[in-house]
C-alpha cells in the first residue's frame, strides 16, 4: 500500500467533509428543520450522494481496483432528473481533487497526485457517460408519452367520426 492510499484511508472522514463542503455549499448553509430525519427514505437523494461519495473515495484508495463504483450510477441517475446543466451536475467530482490535496497533499509526491487526478478524470468521464445515458432515457420516456397521448387522441377522433358526431 502506498503512502497516498494510506493517507486517503486514514483521512477519509476529513476528506469527505471537505469534499461535501466544496461540492454542496448550499447544503451547509441551507435551512433545515432540526427534527427532520435523514436517511435512505427521508432524503434519498442525499443518501445516494453520501453513499456514492464514500464508495468513490474507497475506490480511489484501492489502486488495484479498476472497476468503477456502482453507486456512481445511482448518483448520476439522481443528477439526471434534476434541472441542472451536465457541467453543474457533475462538477462535484472535480471538487474532490482540492479536497484530497488539502488533506493528503503532504503525504504523497507530485507523481502520485497526478495519477490520482487521472483516476478522478476517468471516473468523471464514466460518470458523464452514465449521466447522458440517463438523460437520454428520460427524453425517450417523454417522447413515448407524447406519442401515446397522440395515439389516444387519434382513436377518440376516429370513434367520434365513426359515430357521426362533430369533434369538439
Protein backbone atom coordinates (compact mmCIF):
# COMPACT_ATOMS: atom_id res chain seq x y z
CA UNK A 1 0.00 0.00 0.00
CA UNK A 2 1.44 3.34 -1.00
CA UNK A 3 1.72 6.34 1.28
CA UNK A 4 -1.04 8.08 -0.68
CA UNK A 5 -3.56 5.24 -0.31
CA UNK A 6 -2.76 5.01 3.41
CA UNK A 7 -3.29 8.76 3.77
CA UNK A 8 -6.62 8.53 1.94
CA UNK A 9 -7.74 5.64 4.14
CA UNK A 10 -6.69 7.43 7.34
CA UNK A 11 -8.13 10.79 6.31
CA UNK A 12 -11.39 9.50 4.83
CA UNK A 13 -13.62 11.43 7.25
CA UNK A 14 -11.95 14.83 6.79
CA UNK A 15 -11.72 14.29 3.01
CA UNK A 16 -15.44 13.51 2.78
CA UNK A 17 -16.28 16.54 4.91
CA UNK A 18 -14.10 18.87 2.82
CA UNK A 19 -15.50 17.37 -0.39
CA UNK A 20 -19.12 17.80 0.73
CA UNK A 21 -18.49 21.41 1.75
CA UNK A 22 -16.89 22.17 -1.62
CA UNK A 23 -19.38 20.23 -3.73
CA UNK A 24 -22.62 21.17 -1.98
CA UNK A 25 -22.16 24.53 -0.25
CA UNK A 26 -25.92 25.21 -0.26
CA UNK A 27 -26.49 22.17 1.96
CA UNK A 28 -24.10 23.57 4.53
CA UNK A 29 -25.80 26.95 4.77
CA UNK A 30 -29.34 25.98 3.88
CA UNK A 31 -32.22 26.00 6.31
CA UNK A 32 -33.19 22.64 7.71
CA UNK A 33 -35.58 21.56 10.40
CA UNK A 34 -33.80 20.18 13.47
CA UNK A 35 -36.29 17.32 13.81
CA UNK A 36 -36.03 16.39 10.13
CA UNK A 37 -34.78 12.83 9.82
CA UNK A 38 -32.03 11.96 7.40
CA UNK A 39 -31.69 8.61 5.81
CA UNK A 40 -32.47 6.40 2.87
CA UNK A 41 -36.22 7.09 2.89
CA UNK A 42 -36.38 10.60 4.37
CA UNK A 43 -33.88 12.09 1.91
CA UNK A 44 -32.99 9.55 -0.79
CA UNK A 45 -31.03 11.98 -2.99
CA UNK A 46 -28.67 12.98 -0.18
CA UNK A 47 -28.43 9.37 0.93
CA UNK A 48 -27.30 8.25 -2.54
CA UNK A 49 -24.84 11.15 -2.76
CA UNK A 50 -23.30 10.30 0.63
CA UNK A 51 -23.10 6.57 -0.09
CA UNK A 52 -21.68 7.20 -3.56
CA UNK A 53 -19.09 9.68 -2.35
CA UNK A 54 -17.92 7.20 0.26
CA UNK A 55 -17.69 4.45 -2.38
CA UNK A 56 -15.75 6.74 -4.72
CA UNK A 57 -13.23 7.56 -2.01
CA UNK A 58 -12.86 3.87 -1.16
CA UNK A 59 -12.32 3.14 -4.86
CA UNK A 60 -9.63 5.83 -5.09
CA UNK A 61 -7.83 4.41 -2.06
CA UNK A 62 -7.69 0.98 -3.73
CA UNK A 63 -5.18 1.46 -6.54
CA UNK A 64 -5.61 -2.15 -7.67
CA UNK A 65 -9.34 -1.82 -8.28
CA UNK A 66 -10.17 -0.62 -11.78
CA UNK A 67 -13.93 -1.27 -11.55
CA UNK A 68 -15.87 1.99 -11.33
CA UNK A 69 -18.12 2.03 -8.23
CA UNK A 70 -21.72 1.05 -9.00
CA UNK A 71 -23.00 3.75 -6.67
CA UNK A 72 -21.69 6.33 -9.14
CA UNK A 73 -24.55 5.25 -11.41
CA UNK A 74 -27.05 5.98 -8.63
CA UNK A 75 -25.64 9.49 -8.22
CA UNK A 76 -25.84 10.02 -11.98
CA UNK A 77 -29.49 8.91 -12.01
CA UNK A 78 -30.35 11.40 -9.28
CA UNK A 79 -28.43 14.19 -11.00
CA UNK A 80 -30.06 13.39 -14.37
CA UNK A 81 -33.57 14.12 -13.12
CA UNK A 82 -32.55 17.40 -11.53
CA UNK A 83 -32.78 20.55 -13.60
CA UNK A 84 -29.10 21.40 -13.97
CA UNK A 85 -26.58 21.57 -16.77
CA UNK A 86 -24.33 18.50 -17.10
CA UNK A 87 -21.30 20.56 -16.09
CA UNK A 88 -23.03 21.67 -12.89
CA UNK A 89 -24.43 18.22 -12.16
CA UNK A 90 -21.04 16.50 -12.35
CA UNK A 91 -18.84 19.30 -11.01
CA UNK A 92 -18.83 17.62 -7.59
CA UNK A 93 -16.38 15.02 -8.96
CA UNK A 94 -13.81 17.69 -9.76
CA UNK A 95 -14.29 19.22 -6.29
CA UNK A 96 -12.73 16.02 -4.98
CA UNK A 97 -9.27 16.99 -6.25
CA UNK A 98 -8.72 20.03 -3.99
CA UNK A 99 -10.39 18.24 -1.06
CA UNK A 100 -7.94 15.35 -1.41
CA UNK A 101 -4.95 17.63 -1.80
CA UNK A 102 -5.91 19.65 1.27
CA UNK A 103 -5.93 16.55 3.47
CA UNK A 104 -3.32 14.22 1.93
CA UNK A 105 -1.20 16.59 -0.16
CA UNK A 106 1.87 16.31 2.06
CA UNK A 107 1.72 12.51 2.21
CA UNK A 108 2.38 11.96 -1.49
CA UNK A 109 4.71 13.13 -4.19
CA UNK A 110 3.50 15.03 -7.23
CA UNK A 111 3.58 11.96 -9.50
CA UNK A 112 1.23 10.06 -7.18
CA UNK A 113 -1.13 13.04 -7.02
CA UNK A 114 -1.15 13.30 -10.83
CA UNK A 115 -2.01 9.60 -11.06
CA UNK A 116 -4.82 10.17 -8.57
CA UNK A 117 -6.07 13.12 -10.64
CA UNK A 118 -6.06 10.87 -13.71
CA UNK A 119 -8.22 8.31 -11.87
CA UNK A 120 -10.66 11.08 -10.90
CA UNK A 121 -10.76 12.24 -14.53
CA UNK A 122 -11.50 8.67 -15.65
CA UNK A 123 -14.25 8.49 -13.07
CA UNK A 124 -15.70 11.81 -14.29
CA UNK A 125 -15.73 10.61 -17.90
CA UNK A 126 -17.52 7.43 -16.88
CA UNK A 127 -19.98 9.49 -14.83
CA UNK A 128 -20.66 11.72 -17.82
CA UNK A 129 -21.45 8.64 -19.94
CA UNK A 130 -23.88 7.37 -17.29
CA UNK A 131 -25.43 10.82 -16.86
CA UNK A 132 -26.02 11.21 -20.60
CA UNK A 133 -27.49 7.70 -20.84
CA UNK A 134 -29.94 8.56 -18.04
CA UNK A 135 -30.87 11.88 -19.67
CA UNK A 136 -31.44 10.10 -22.99
CA UNK A 137 -33.68 7.57 -21.26
CA UNK A 138 -35.70 10.40 -19.69
CA UNK A 139 -36.02 12.13 -23.08
CA UNK A 140 -37.19 8.87 -24.68
CA UNK A 141 -39.78 8.38 -21.95
CA UNK A 142 -41.12 11.88 -22.66
CA UNK A 143 -41.31 11.21 -26.40
CA UNK A 144 -43.09 7.89 -25.78
CA UNK A 145 -45.59 9.65 -23.52
CA UNK A 146 -46.38 12.25 -26.19
CA UNK A 147 -46.79 9.51 -28.81
CA UNK A 148 -49.16 7.57 -26.55
CA UNK A 149 -51.23 10.72 -25.97
CA UNK A 150 -51.35 11.43 -29.69
CA UNK A 151 -52.48 7.86 -30.44
CA UNK A 152 -55.20 8.12 -27.81
CA UNK A 153 -56.46 11.36 -29.37
CA UNK A 154 -56.48 9.76 -32.83
CA UNK A 155 -58.57 6.84 -31.54
CA UNK A 156 -61.02 9.22 -29.90
CA UNK A 157 -61.30 11.26 -33.10
CA UNK A 158 -61.88 8.08 -35.15
CA UNK A 159 -64.57 6.95 -32.72
CA UNK A 160 -66.29 10.35 -32.89
CA UNK A 161 -66.15 10.35 -36.69
CA UNK A 162 -67.47 6.76 -36.81
CA UNK A 163 -70.47 7.71 -34.67
CA UNK A 164 -71.17 10.74 -36.85
CA UNK A 165 -70.62 13.25 -34.04
CA UNK A 166 -68.92 16.59 -34.52
CA UNK A 167 -65.45 16.87 -32.98
CA UNK A 168 -65.27 19.36 -30.16
